[in-house]
């Protein structure tokens, strides 16, 4: 059974555009997923990436065109300039980490749906994922205890920092990033078809 380490930023529009396709293909192939939210700014600093504000205008313009085209192709709503971007990505990341720990302990809940819900809140619903009430509402909407937003802060912070180290060690440098069985790497939502083929033994 394959295992996928899924590295992502809770503020990445390209991760939003991945939707829940990862969960669907993992189910199809009997693969398991570990969700590993990371601090994308810190990851860029460690792996040679350039923060969005510091990129050349031509790169910024291309990013907006590409996002518009990808969203249209996927039939997904997308606000290219959301009201609450950038914002503090950590609270939502901590909640996702806490929800995963709870699920591993037997709690119910849709973890993949929660991840996508957080991203959708930012990129399609103009909600601030740094706000407690937004995070707790998202937890509840996906079947988790809203209190995880607060009780999971310590373990969330520790795991968030560890995820960054794991990402660097695994060769991760962007979001979304998928690492299969610790070796095979796929960067970007537009590589999910390749991941699907790889899990099917065709790549």
N, C-alpha and C. Protein backbone atom coordinates (compact mmCIF):
# COMPACT_ATOMS: atom_id res chain seq x y z
N UNK A 1 0.85 -1.20 0.00
CA UNK A 1 0.00 0.00 0.00
C UNK A 1 0.88 1.25 0.00
N UNK A 2 0.68 2.12 -0.95
CA UNK A 2 1.47 3.34 -1.04
C UNK A 2 1.05 4.33 0.03
N UNK A 3 2.01 5.16 0.43
CA UNK A 3 1.73 6.23 1.39
C UNK A 3 2.16 7.56 0.79
N UNK A 4 1.29 8.57 0.92
CA UNK A 4 1.55 9.89 0.36
C UNK A 4 1.70 10.90 1.48
N UNK A 5 2.86 11.53 1.54
CA UNK A 5 3.04 12.69 2.42
C UNK A 5 2.65 13.92 1.61
N UNK A 6 1.62 14.61 2.08
CA UNK A 6 1.03 15.73 1.35
C UNK A 6 1.44 17.03 2.05
N UNK A 7 2.39 17.74 1.43
CA UNK A 7 2.87 19.01 1.96
C UNK A 7 2.13 20.15 1.27
N UNK A 8 1.66 21.11 2.05
CA UNK A 8 0.88 22.20 1.46
C UNK A 8 0.84 23.40 2.39
N UNK A 9 0.58 24.54 1.79
CA UNK A 9 0.31 25.76 2.55
C UNK A 9 -1.19 25.98 2.59
N UNK A 10 -1.70 26.40 3.73
CA UNK A 10 -3.13 26.69 3.85
C UNK A 10 -3.51 27.99 3.15
N UNK A 11 -2.54 28.65 2.54
CA UNK A 11 -2.81 29.88 1.79
C UNK A 11 -2.49 29.76 0.30
N UNK A 12 -2.22 28.58 -0.18
CA UNK A 12 -1.81 28.41 -1.56
C UNK A 12 -3.01 28.29 -2.51
N UNK A 13 -3.12 29.17 -3.50
CA UNK A 13 -4.24 29.06 -4.44
C UNK A 13 -4.13 27.82 -5.31
N UNK A 14 -2.92 27.39 -5.61
CA UNK A 14 -2.76 26.19 -6.42
C UNK A 14 -3.15 24.94 -5.63
N UNK A 15 -2.95 24.98 -4.32
CA UNK A 15 -3.42 23.88 -3.48
C UNK A 15 -4.94 23.88 -3.43
N UNK A 16 -5.55 25.06 -3.38
CA UNK A 16 -7.01 25.14 -3.46
C UNK A 16 -7.51 24.47 -4.74
N UNK A 17 -6.84 24.74 -5.85
CA UNK A 17 -7.28 24.19 -7.13
C UNK A 17 -7.13 22.67 -7.22
N UNK A 18 -6.36 22.10 -6.30
CA UNK A 18 -6.27 20.63 -6.25
C UNK A 18 -7.58 20.01 -5.82
N UNK A 19 -8.43 20.80 -5.13
CA UNK A 19 -9.71 20.28 -4.66
C UNK A 19 -9.52 19.06 -3.78
N UNK A 20 -10.33 18.05 -4.02
CA UNK A 20 -10.20 16.80 -3.27
C UNK A 20 -9.81 15.66 -4.22
N UNK A 21 -9.10 16.02 -5.29
CA UNK A 21 -8.67 15.00 -6.25
C UNK A 21 -7.66 14.04 -5.63
N UNK A 22 -6.81 14.54 -4.73
CA UNK A 22 -5.85 13.66 -4.08
C UNK A 22 -6.58 12.57 -3.31
N UNK A 23 -7.59 12.95 -2.56
CA UNK A 23 -8.32 11.98 -1.75
C UNK A 23 -9.00 10.93 -2.64
N UNK A 24 -9.52 11.38 -3.78
CA UNK A 24 -10.19 10.45 -4.69
C UNK A 24 -9.21 9.44 -5.28
N UNK A 25 -8.05 9.91 -5.70
CA UNK A 25 -7.09 8.97 -6.31
C UNK A 25 -6.46 8.07 -5.25
N UNK A 26 -6.26 8.60 -4.05
CA UNK A 26 -5.72 7.75 -2.98
C UNK A 26 -6.69 6.62 -2.66
N UNK A 27 -7.96 6.95 -2.63
CA UNK A 27 -8.98 5.91 -2.37
C UNK A 27 -8.99 4.88 -3.49
N UNK A 28 -8.86 5.36 -4.71
CA UNK A 28 -8.88 4.46 -5.87
C UNK A 28 -7.72 3.47 -5.84
N UNK A 29 -6.58 3.91 -5.34
CA UNK A 29 -5.39 3.06 -5.33
C UNK A 29 -5.10 2.44 -3.97
N UNK A 30 -5.95 2.70 -2.99
CA UNK A 30 -5.73 2.15 -1.67
C UNK A 30 -4.55 2.76 -0.95
N UNK A 31 -4.21 4.02 -1.29
CA UNK A 31 -3.08 4.70 -0.67
C UNK A 31 -3.53 5.46 0.58
N UNK A 32 -2.60 5.66 1.50
CA UNK A 32 -2.87 6.46 2.69
C UNK A 32 -2.22 7.83 2.53
N UNK A 33 -2.72 8.80 3.31
CA UNK A 33 -2.25 10.18 3.21
C UNK A 33 -1.90 10.71 4.59
N UNK A 34 -0.74 11.36 4.70
CA UNK A 34 -0.43 12.18 5.88
C UNK A 34 -0.46 13.64 5.44
N UNK A 35 -1.27 14.44 6.11
CA UNK A 35 -1.40 15.86 5.77
C UNK A 35 -0.36 16.65 6.55
N UNK A 36 0.47 17.41 5.82
CA UNK A 36 1.58 18.11 6.44
C UNK A 36 1.58 19.59 6.03
N UNK A 37 0.75 20.40 6.67
CA UNK A 37 0.80 21.84 6.37
C UNK A 37 2.15 22.42 6.76
N UNK A 38 2.65 23.33 5.91
CA UNK A 38 3.96 23.94 6.15
C UNK A 38 3.88 25.46 6.01
N UNK A 39 4.83 26.11 6.63
CA UNK A 39 5.01 27.56 6.49
C UNK A 39 5.72 27.80 5.16
N UNK A 40 4.97 28.26 4.15
CA UNK A 40 5.53 28.35 2.81
C UNK A 40 6.62 29.41 2.72
N UNK A 41 6.49 30.49 3.47
CA UNK A 41 7.53 31.51 3.46
C UNK A 41 8.85 30.97 3.97
N UNK A 42 8.78 30.23 5.07
CA UNK A 42 9.98 29.62 5.63
C UNK A 42 10.54 28.56 4.69
N UNK A 43 9.66 27.83 4.01
CA UNK A 43 10.10 26.82 3.07
C UNK A 43 10.82 27.46 1.89
N UNK A 44 10.28 28.55 1.36
CA UNK A 44 10.95 29.26 0.27
C UNK A 44 12.34 29.72 0.71
N UNK A 45 12.42 30.26 1.91
CA UNK A 45 13.70 30.77 2.40
C UNK A 45 14.74 29.66 2.51
N UNK A 46 14.28 28.45 2.80
CA UNK A 46 15.21 27.32 2.97
C UNK A 46 15.56 26.64 1.64
N UNK A 47 14.72 26.83 0.61
CA UNK A 47 14.90 26.04 -0.61
C UNK A 47 15.07 26.89 -1.87
N UNK A 48 15.32 28.18 -1.71
CA UNK A 48 15.61 29.02 -2.87
C UNK A 48 14.42 29.61 -3.57
N UNK A 49 13.24 29.55 -2.96
CA UNK A 49 12.06 30.15 -3.56
C UNK A 49 12.02 31.65 -3.32
N UNK A 50 11.23 32.35 -4.13
CA UNK A 50 11.08 33.79 -4.00
C UNK A 50 9.67 34.12 -3.52
N UNK A 51 9.52 34.82 -2.41
CA UNK A 51 8.18 35.20 -1.94
C UNK A 51 7.45 36.01 -3.00
N UNK A 52 6.14 35.87 -3.04
CA UNK A 52 5.33 36.53 -4.06
C UNK A 52 5.61 38.03 -4.18
N UNK A 53 5.66 38.80 -3.08
CA UNK A 53 5.89 40.24 -3.23
C UNK A 53 7.22 40.59 -3.88
N UNK A 54 8.19 39.69 -3.80
CA UNK A 54 9.52 39.97 -4.31
C UNK A 54 9.74 39.49 -5.74
N UNK A 55 8.75 38.88 -6.35
CA UNK A 55 8.92 38.37 -7.70
C UNK A 55 8.82 39.49 -8.73
N UNK A 56 9.42 39.27 -9.88
CA UNK A 56 9.34 40.21 -10.98
C UNK A 56 7.89 40.34 -11.44
N UNK A 57 7.53 41.52 -11.94
CA UNK A 57 6.15 41.77 -12.35
C UNK A 57 5.67 40.76 -13.39
N UNK A 58 6.55 40.36 -14.29
CA UNK A 58 6.14 39.40 -15.32
C UNK A 58 5.72 38.08 -14.70
N UNK A 59 6.39 37.67 -13.63
CA UNK A 59 6.02 36.43 -12.94
C UNK A 59 4.69 36.59 -12.19
N UNK A 60 4.49 37.74 -11.60
CA UNK A 60 3.23 38.00 -10.90
C UNK A 60 2.06 37.99 -11.87
N UNK A 61 2.25 38.62 -13.03
CA UNK A 61 1.19 38.67 -14.04
C UNK A 61 0.89 37.28 -14.59
N UNK A 62 1.93 36.50 -14.83
CA UNK A 62 1.72 35.15 -15.34
C UNK A 62 0.97 34.30 -14.32
N UNK A 63 1.33 34.44 -13.06
CA UNK A 63 0.65 33.68 -12.00
C UNK A 63 -0.84 33.93 -12.04
N UNK A 64 -1.25 35.19 -12.18
CA UNK A 64 -2.67 35.52 -12.20
C UNK A 64 -3.35 34.92 -13.42
N UNK A 65 -2.69 34.98 -14.58
CA UNK A 65 -3.28 34.40 -15.79
C UNK A 65 -3.42 32.89 -15.65
N UNK A 66 -2.39 32.26 -15.11
CA UNK A 66 -2.41 30.81 -14.96
C UNK A 66 -3.50 30.37 -13.98
N UNK A 67 -3.62 31.10 -12.87
CA UNK A 67 -4.67 30.78 -11.91
C UNK A 67 -6.06 30.91 -12.54
N UNK A 68 -6.25 31.98 -13.29
CA UNK A 68 -7.55 32.19 -13.96
C UNK A 68 -7.86 31.05 -14.91
N UNK A 69 -6.89 30.65 -15.72
CA UNK A 69 -7.11 29.57 -16.69
C UNK A 69 -7.35 28.23 -15.99
N UNK A 70 -6.54 27.95 -14.96
CA UNK A 70 -6.69 26.68 -14.26
C UNK A 70 -8.05 26.58 -13.58
N UNK A 71 -8.47 27.67 -12.95
CA UNK A 71 -9.78 27.66 -12.29
C UNK A 71 -10.90 27.45 -13.29
N UNK A 72 -10.80 28.11 -14.45
CA UNK A 72 -11.82 27.95 -15.48
C UNK A 72 -11.85 26.51 -16.00
N UNK A 73 -10.68 25.94 -16.22
CA UNK A 73 -10.60 24.57 -16.72
C UNK A 73 -11.21 23.58 -15.73
N UNK A 74 -11.02 23.85 -14.45
CA UNK A 74 -11.53 22.94 -13.41
C UNK A 74 -12.96 23.27 -12.99
N UNK A 75 -13.48 24.39 -13.47
CA UNK A 75 -14.83 24.79 -13.09
C UNK A 75 -14.96 25.17 -11.63
N UNK A 76 -13.90 25.81 -11.08
CA UNK A 76 -13.89 26.18 -9.67
C UNK A 76 -13.91 27.69 -9.52
N UNK A 77 -14.72 28.22 -8.61
CA UNK A 77 -14.70 29.66 -8.35
C UNK A 77 -13.37 30.06 -7.74
N UNK A 78 -12.86 31.21 -8.14
CA UNK A 78 -11.58 31.67 -7.61
C UNK A 78 -11.54 33.19 -7.65
N UNK A 79 -11.25 33.78 -6.50
CA UNK A 79 -11.03 35.22 -6.41
C UNK A 79 -9.54 35.45 -6.51
N UNK A 80 -9.09 36.06 -7.59
CA UNK A 80 -7.65 36.24 -7.80
C UNK A 80 -7.02 37.17 -6.77
N UNK A 81 -7.81 38.05 -6.20
CA UNK A 81 -7.31 38.96 -5.16
C UNK A 81 -8.24 38.90 -3.95
N UNK A 82 -8.13 37.82 -3.19
CA UNK A 82 -9.05 37.64 -2.05
C UNK A 82 -8.85 38.71 -0.98
N UNK A 83 -9.92 38.98 -0.27
CA UNK A 83 -9.93 40.03 0.74
C UNK A 83 -8.92 39.75 1.85
N UNK A 84 -8.74 38.48 2.21
CA UNK A 84 -7.87 38.14 3.33
C UNK A 84 -6.67 37.31 2.88
N UNK A 85 -5.89 37.90 1.99
CA UNK A 85 -4.64 37.30 1.53
C UNK A 85 -3.65 38.42 1.26
N UNK A 86 -2.47 38.35 1.87
CA UNK A 86 -2.03 37.30 2.79
C UNK A 86 -2.63 37.47 4.18
N UNK A 87 -2.61 36.40 4.93
CA UNK A 87 -3.04 36.42 6.33
C UNK A 87 -2.21 35.38 7.07
N UNK A 88 -2.44 35.23 8.35
CA UNK A 88 -1.68 34.28 9.15
C UNK A 88 -2.18 32.86 8.86
N UNK A 89 -1.32 32.06 8.25
CA UNK A 89 -1.72 30.69 7.86
C UNK A 89 -1.69 29.71 9.02
N UNK A 90 -1.04 30.07 10.12
CA UNK A 90 -0.80 29.12 11.20
C UNK A 90 -2.06 28.60 11.89
N UNK A 91 -3.04 29.45 12.27
CA UNK A 91 -4.19 28.92 13.00
C UNK A 91 -4.92 27.79 12.28
N UNK A 92 -5.13 27.95 10.99
CA UNK A 92 -5.80 26.89 10.23
C UNK A 92 -4.91 25.65 10.13
N UNK A 93 -3.60 25.87 9.97
CA UNK A 93 -2.68 24.74 9.91
C UNK A 93 -2.69 23.95 11.22
N UNK A 94 -2.67 24.67 12.34
CA UNK A 94 -2.72 24.00 13.64
C UNK A 94 -4.01 23.17 13.79
N UNK A 95 -5.11 23.73 13.32
CA UNK A 95 -6.40 23.03 13.43
C UNK A 95 -6.40 21.76 12.59
N UNK A 96 -5.82 21.83 11.40
CA UNK A 96 -5.73 20.64 10.54
C UNK A 96 -4.87 19.58 11.20
N UNK A 97 -3.77 20.00 11.78
CA UNK A 97 -2.89 19.05 12.47
C UNK A 97 -3.62 18.40 13.65
N UNK A 98 -4.32 19.21 14.42
CA UNK A 98 -5.07 18.68 15.57
C UNK A 98 -6.17 17.73 15.12
N UNK A 99 -6.83 18.06 14.01
CA UNK A 99 -7.89 17.19 13.49
C UNK A 99 -7.30 15.85 13.04
N UNK A 100 -6.13 15.88 12.44
CA UNK A 100 -5.50 14.62 12.01
C UNK A 100 -5.13 13.76 13.22
N UNK A 101 -4.61 14.39 14.26
CA UNK A 101 -4.28 13.64 15.48
C UNK A 101 -5.55 13.04 16.08
N UNK A 102 -6.63 13.82 16.11
CA UNK A 102 -7.89 13.33 16.64
C UNK A 102 -8.41 12.16 15.82
N UNK A 103 -8.29 12.27 14.52
CA UNK A 103 -8.76 11.20 13.64
C UNK A 103 -7.94 9.93 13.84
N UNK A 104 -6.65 10.09 14.01
CA UNK A 104 -5.79 8.93 14.27
C UNK A 104 -6.17 8.26 15.59
N UNK A 105 -6.75 9.05 16.52
CA UNK A 105 -7.20 8.51 17.79
C UNK A 105 -8.61 7.95 17.76
N UNK A 106 -9.21 7.95 16.56
CA UNK A 106 -10.53 7.35 16.41
C UNK A 106 -11.68 8.31 16.22
N UNK A 107 -11.40 9.61 16.24
CA UNK A 107 -12.47 10.60 16.05
C UNK A 107 -12.96 10.58 14.60
N UNK A 108 -14.22 10.92 14.44
CA UNK A 108 -14.79 11.02 13.11
C UNK A 108 -14.40 12.36 12.50
N UNK A 109 -14.65 12.51 11.21
CA UNK A 109 -14.39 13.78 10.55
C UNK A 109 -13.80 13.57 9.17
N UNK A 110 -14.01 14.54 8.31
CA UNK A 110 -13.52 14.50 6.93
C UNK A 110 -12.30 15.40 6.83
N UNK A 111 -11.11 14.80 6.95
CA UNK A 111 -9.88 15.58 6.99
C UNK A 111 -9.58 16.24 5.64
N UNK A 112 -9.73 15.49 4.56
CA UNK A 112 -9.52 16.07 3.24
C UNK A 112 -10.48 17.19 2.97
N UNK A 113 -11.73 17.02 3.40
CA UNK A 113 -12.72 18.07 3.23
C UNK A 113 -12.37 19.31 4.03
N UNK A 114 -11.82 19.12 5.23
CA UNK A 114 -11.40 20.25 6.06
C UNK A 114 -10.29 21.03 5.38
N UNK A 115 -9.30 20.33 4.86
CA UNK A 115 -8.19 21.01 4.18
C UNK A 115 -8.72 21.83 3.01
N UNK A 116 -9.56 21.21 2.20
CA UNK A 116 -10.11 21.95 1.06
C UNK A 116 -11.02 23.08 1.52
N UNK A 117 -11.75 22.86 2.60
CA UNK A 117 -12.63 23.91 3.13
C UNK A 117 -11.86 25.14 3.57
N UNK A 118 -10.70 24.92 4.19
CA UNK A 118 -9.86 26.05 4.60
C UNK A 118 -9.40 26.85 3.39
N UNK A 119 -8.93 26.15 2.37
CA UNK A 119 -8.45 26.82 1.17
C UNK A 119 -9.58 27.51 0.42
N UNK A 120 -10.72 26.86 0.36
CA UNK A 120 -11.88 27.47 -0.31
C UNK A 120 -12.34 28.72 0.43
N UNK A 121 -12.25 28.68 1.76
CA UNK A 121 -12.65 29.86 2.55
C UNK A 121 -11.86 31.09 2.14
N UNK A 122 -10.56 30.89 1.90
CA UNK A 122 -9.71 32.00 1.49
C UNK A 122 -9.94 32.42 0.05
N UNK A 123 -9.93 31.43 -0.86
CA UNK A 123 -9.85 31.73 -2.30
C UNK A 123 -11.18 31.82 -3.01
N UNK A 124 -12.26 31.44 -2.35
CA UNK A 124 -13.57 31.52 -3.01
C UNK A 124 -14.65 32.17 -2.16
N UNK A 125 -14.40 32.31 -0.86
CA UNK A 125 -15.45 32.78 0.04
C UNK A 125 -15.10 34.06 0.80
N UNK A 126 -13.90 34.59 0.59
CA UNK A 126 -13.47 35.81 1.27
C UNK A 126 -13.65 35.74 2.78
N UNK A 127 -13.17 34.64 3.36
CA UNK A 127 -13.18 34.47 4.81
C UNK A 127 -11.74 34.46 5.29
N UNK A 128 -11.52 34.98 6.49
CA UNK A 128 -10.17 35.09 7.03
C UNK A 128 -9.84 33.84 7.84
N UNK A 129 -8.98 32.99 7.30
CA UNK A 129 -8.69 31.73 7.97
C UNK A 129 -7.77 31.90 9.18
N UNK A 130 -7.41 33.13 9.50
CA UNK A 130 -6.66 33.40 10.73
C UNK A 130 -7.60 33.64 11.91
N UNK A 131 -8.89 33.79 11.65
CA UNK A 131 -9.85 34.11 12.71
C UNK A 131 -10.38 32.85 13.37
N UNK A 132 -10.46 32.88 14.69
CA UNK A 132 -10.91 31.71 15.45
C UNK A 132 -12.29 31.24 15.01
N UNK A 133 -13.21 32.18 14.79
CA UNK A 133 -14.58 31.77 14.45
C UNK A 133 -14.65 31.09 13.09
N UNK A 134 -13.78 31.48 12.17
CA UNK A 134 -13.74 30.83 10.87
C UNK A 134 -13.19 29.41 11.01
N UNK A 135 -12.11 29.27 11.75
CA UNK A 135 -11.49 27.96 11.94
C UNK A 135 -12.43 27.00 12.67
N UNK A 136 -13.07 27.47 13.72
CA UNK A 136 -13.97 26.58 14.47
C UNK A 136 -15.17 26.18 13.62
N UNK A 137 -15.68 27.11 12.82
CA UNK A 137 -16.81 26.78 11.94
C UNK A 137 -16.41 25.73 10.91
N UNK A 138 -15.20 25.84 10.39
CA UNK A 138 -14.74 24.87 9.41
C UNK A 138 -14.55 23.49 10.04
N UNK A 139 -14.01 23.45 11.25
CA UNK A 139 -13.88 22.17 11.95
C UNK A 139 -15.24 21.51 12.12
N UNK A 140 -16.19 22.26 12.59
CA UNK A 140 -17.53 21.72 12.81
C UNK A 140 -18.17 21.27 11.51
N UNK A 141 -17.99 22.06 10.46
CA UNK A 141 -18.62 21.74 9.17
C UNK A 141 -18.11 20.43 8.60
N UNK A 142 -16.92 20.01 9.03
CA UNK A 142 -16.35 18.78 8.49
C UNK A 142 -16.28 17.67 9.54
N UNK A 143 -17.10 17.80 10.57
CA UNK A 143 -17.31 16.71 11.51
C UNK A 143 -16.34 16.61 12.66
N UNK A 144 -15.58 17.68 12.91
CA UNK A 144 -14.61 17.67 14.02
C UNK A 144 -15.09 18.55 15.17
N UNK A 145 -14.54 18.31 16.34
CA UNK A 145 -14.82 19.12 17.52
C UNK A 145 -14.23 20.50 17.32
N UNK A 146 -15.05 21.53 17.44
CA UNK A 146 -14.57 22.90 17.26
C UNK A 146 -13.48 23.25 18.25
N UNK A 147 -13.48 22.61 19.41
CA UNK A 147 -12.49 22.90 20.44
C UNK A 147 -11.07 22.55 20.05
N UNK A 148 -10.91 21.77 18.98
CA UNK A 148 -9.56 21.42 18.52
C UNK A 148 -8.77 22.65 18.11
N UNK A 149 -9.48 23.70 17.74
CA UNK A 149 -8.80 24.94 17.34
C UNK A 149 -7.98 25.51 18.49
N UNK A 150 -8.38 25.19 19.71
CA UNK A 150 -7.69 25.72 20.89
C UNK A 150 -6.88 24.65 21.61
N UNK A 151 -7.47 23.46 21.80
CA UNK A 151 -6.77 22.41 22.54
C UNK A 151 -5.59 21.86 21.76
N UNK A 152 -5.61 22.01 20.44
CA UNK A 152 -4.53 21.46 19.63
C UNK A 152 -3.44 22.45 19.27
N UNK A 153 -3.45 23.62 19.90
CA UNK A 153 -2.49 24.66 19.50
C UNK A 153 -1.04 24.26 19.77
N UNK A 154 -0.78 23.66 20.93
CA UNK A 154 0.60 23.31 21.28
C UNK A 154 1.15 22.24 20.34
N UNK A 155 0.41 21.13 20.21
CA UNK A 155 0.87 20.07 19.32
C UNK A 155 0.89 20.57 17.88
N UNK A 156 -0.05 21.47 17.55
CA UNK A 156 -0.07 22.03 16.21
C UNK A 156 1.18 22.82 15.91
N UNK A 157 1.58 23.66 16.84
CA UNK A 157 2.78 24.49 16.63
C UNK A 157 4.02 23.62 16.52
N UNK A 158 4.12 22.62 17.36
CA UNK A 158 5.29 21.74 17.33
C UNK A 158 5.36 20.95 16.01
N UNK A 159 4.21 20.44 15.59
CA UNK A 159 4.18 19.64 14.37
C UNK A 159 4.39 20.51 13.14
N UNK A 160 3.85 21.72 13.16
CA UNK A 160 4.03 22.67 12.05
C UNK A 160 5.52 22.93 11.82
N UNK A 161 6.24 23.14 12.90
CA UNK A 161 7.69 23.36 12.79
C UNK A 161 8.39 22.10 12.29
N UNK A 162 7.98 20.95 12.78
CA UNK A 162 8.59 19.69 12.35
C UNK A 162 8.28 19.40 10.89
N UNK A 163 7.07 19.76 10.44
CA UNK A 163 6.71 19.56 9.04
C UNK A 163 7.66 20.30 8.10
N UNK A 164 8.07 21.49 8.52
CA UNK A 164 9.01 22.26 7.70
C UNK A 164 10.32 21.51 7.55
N UNK A 165 10.83 20.97 8.65
CA UNK A 165 12.08 20.22 8.59
C UNK A 165 11.92 18.97 7.73
N UNK A 166 10.78 18.29 7.89
CA UNK A 166 10.51 17.10 7.09
C UNK A 166 10.45 17.45 5.61
N UNK A 167 9.81 18.60 5.30
CA UNK A 167 9.67 19.02 3.92
C UNK A 167 11.03 19.27 3.28
N UNK A 168 11.88 20.00 3.97
CA UNK A 168 13.22 20.30 3.44
C UNK A 168 13.99 19.00 3.22
N UNK A 169 13.92 18.10 4.19
CA UNK A 169 14.64 16.82 4.08
C UNK A 169 14.11 15.97 2.93
N UNK A 170 12.81 16.11 2.63
CA UNK A 170 12.19 15.30 1.58
C UNK A 170 12.34 15.90 0.19
N UNK A 171 12.95 17.08 0.09
CA UNK A 171 13.12 17.71 -1.20
C UNK A 171 11.93 18.52 -1.66
N UNK A 172 11.10 18.94 -0.74
CA UNK A 172 9.91 19.73 -1.04
C UNK A 172 10.29 21.20 -1.16
N UNK A 173 9.70 21.91 -2.13
CA UNK A 173 10.02 23.32 -2.29
C UNK A 173 8.82 24.17 -2.69
N UNK A 174 7.62 23.60 -2.73
CA UNK A 174 6.44 24.37 -3.11
C UNK A 174 5.18 23.74 -2.58
N UNK A 175 4.03 24.26 -3.02
CA UNK A 175 2.73 23.79 -2.54
C UNK A 175 1.72 23.84 -3.68
N UNK A 176 1.00 22.73 -3.89
CA UNK A 176 1.03 21.46 -3.16
C UNK A 176 2.17 20.58 -3.64
N UNK A 177 2.61 19.70 -2.75
CA UNK A 177 3.71 18.80 -3.05
C UNK A 177 3.37 17.43 -2.47
N UNK A 178 3.54 16.40 -3.28
CA UNK A 178 3.17 15.04 -2.89
C UNK A 178 4.40 14.14 -2.96
N UNK A 179 4.70 13.44 -1.88
CA UNK A 179 5.85 12.55 -1.83
C UNK A 179 5.34 11.14 -1.53
N UNK A 180 5.59 10.23 -2.47
CA UNK A 180 5.08 8.86 -2.33
C UNK A 180 6.19 7.97 -1.76
N UNK A 181 5.87 7.33 -0.65
CA UNK A 181 6.79 6.38 0.00
C UNK A 181 8.18 6.96 0.23
N UNK A 182 8.22 8.27 0.48
CA UNK A 182 9.46 8.93 0.84
C UNK A 182 10.43 9.19 -0.29
N UNK A 183 10.05 8.83 -1.52
CA UNK A 183 11.02 8.96 -2.61
C UNK A 183 10.48 9.68 -3.85
N UNK A 184 9.33 9.31 -4.35
CA UNK A 184 8.83 9.85 -5.62
C UNK A 184 8.07 11.15 -5.36
N UNK A 185 8.51 12.23 -6.03
CA UNK A 185 7.98 13.56 -5.73
C UNK A 185 7.16 14.12 -6.90
N UNK A 186 6.06 14.77 -6.54
CA UNK A 186 5.19 15.43 -7.52
C UNK A 186 4.87 16.82 -7.01
N UNK A 187 5.14 17.84 -7.82
CA UNK A 187 4.91 19.23 -7.42
C UNK A 187 3.79 19.82 -8.25
N UNK A 188 2.76 20.30 -7.57
CA UNK A 188 1.70 21.04 -8.22
C UNK A 188 0.43 20.24 -8.45
N UNK A 189 -0.69 20.95 -8.38
CA UNK A 189 -1.97 20.30 -8.62
C UNK A 189 -2.07 19.78 -10.05
N UNK A 190 -1.30 20.36 -10.96
CA UNK A 190 -1.32 19.91 -12.35
C UNK A 190 -0.48 18.65 -12.56
N UNK A 191 0.06 18.09 -11.49
CA UNK A 191 0.76 16.80 -11.58
C UNK A 191 -0.02 15.67 -10.91
N UNK A 192 -1.25 15.94 -10.54
CA UNK A 192 -2.05 14.89 -9.91
C UNK A 192 -2.34 13.75 -10.88
N UNK A 193 -2.47 14.05 -12.17
CA UNK A 193 -2.68 12.98 -13.15
C UNK A 193 -1.45 12.08 -13.21
N UNK A 194 -0.26 12.68 -13.11
CA UNK A 194 0.97 11.89 -13.09
C UNK A 194 1.04 11.03 -11.83
N UNK A 195 0.62 11.59 -10.70
CA UNK A 195 0.59 10.83 -9.46
C UNK A 195 -0.36 9.65 -9.59
N UNK A 196 -1.50 9.88 -10.22
CA UNK A 196 -2.47 8.82 -10.45
C UNK A 196 -1.85 7.70 -11.27
N UNK A 197 -1.18 8.06 -12.36
CA UNK A 197 -0.55 7.07 -13.23
C UNK A 197 0.57 6.32 -12.50
N UNK A 198 1.32 7.06 -11.66
CA UNK A 198 2.40 6.42 -10.91
C UNK A 198 1.85 5.36 -9.96
N UNK A 199 0.79 5.72 -9.25
CA UNK A 199 0.20 4.76 -8.31
C UNK A 199 -0.40 3.56 -9.03
N UNK A 200 -0.76 3.76 -10.30
CA UNK A 200 -1.29 2.65 -11.10
C UNK A 200 -0.18 1.81 -11.73
N UNK A 201 1.09 2.20 -11.50
CA UNK A 201 2.21 1.47 -12.04
C UNK A 201 2.48 1.75 -13.51
N UNK A 202 2.00 2.89 -14.00
CA UNK A 202 2.15 3.24 -15.41
C UNK A 202 3.23 4.30 -15.66
N UNK A 203 3.84 4.81 -14.61
CA UNK A 203 4.93 5.77 -14.76
C UNK A 203 6.11 5.33 -13.89
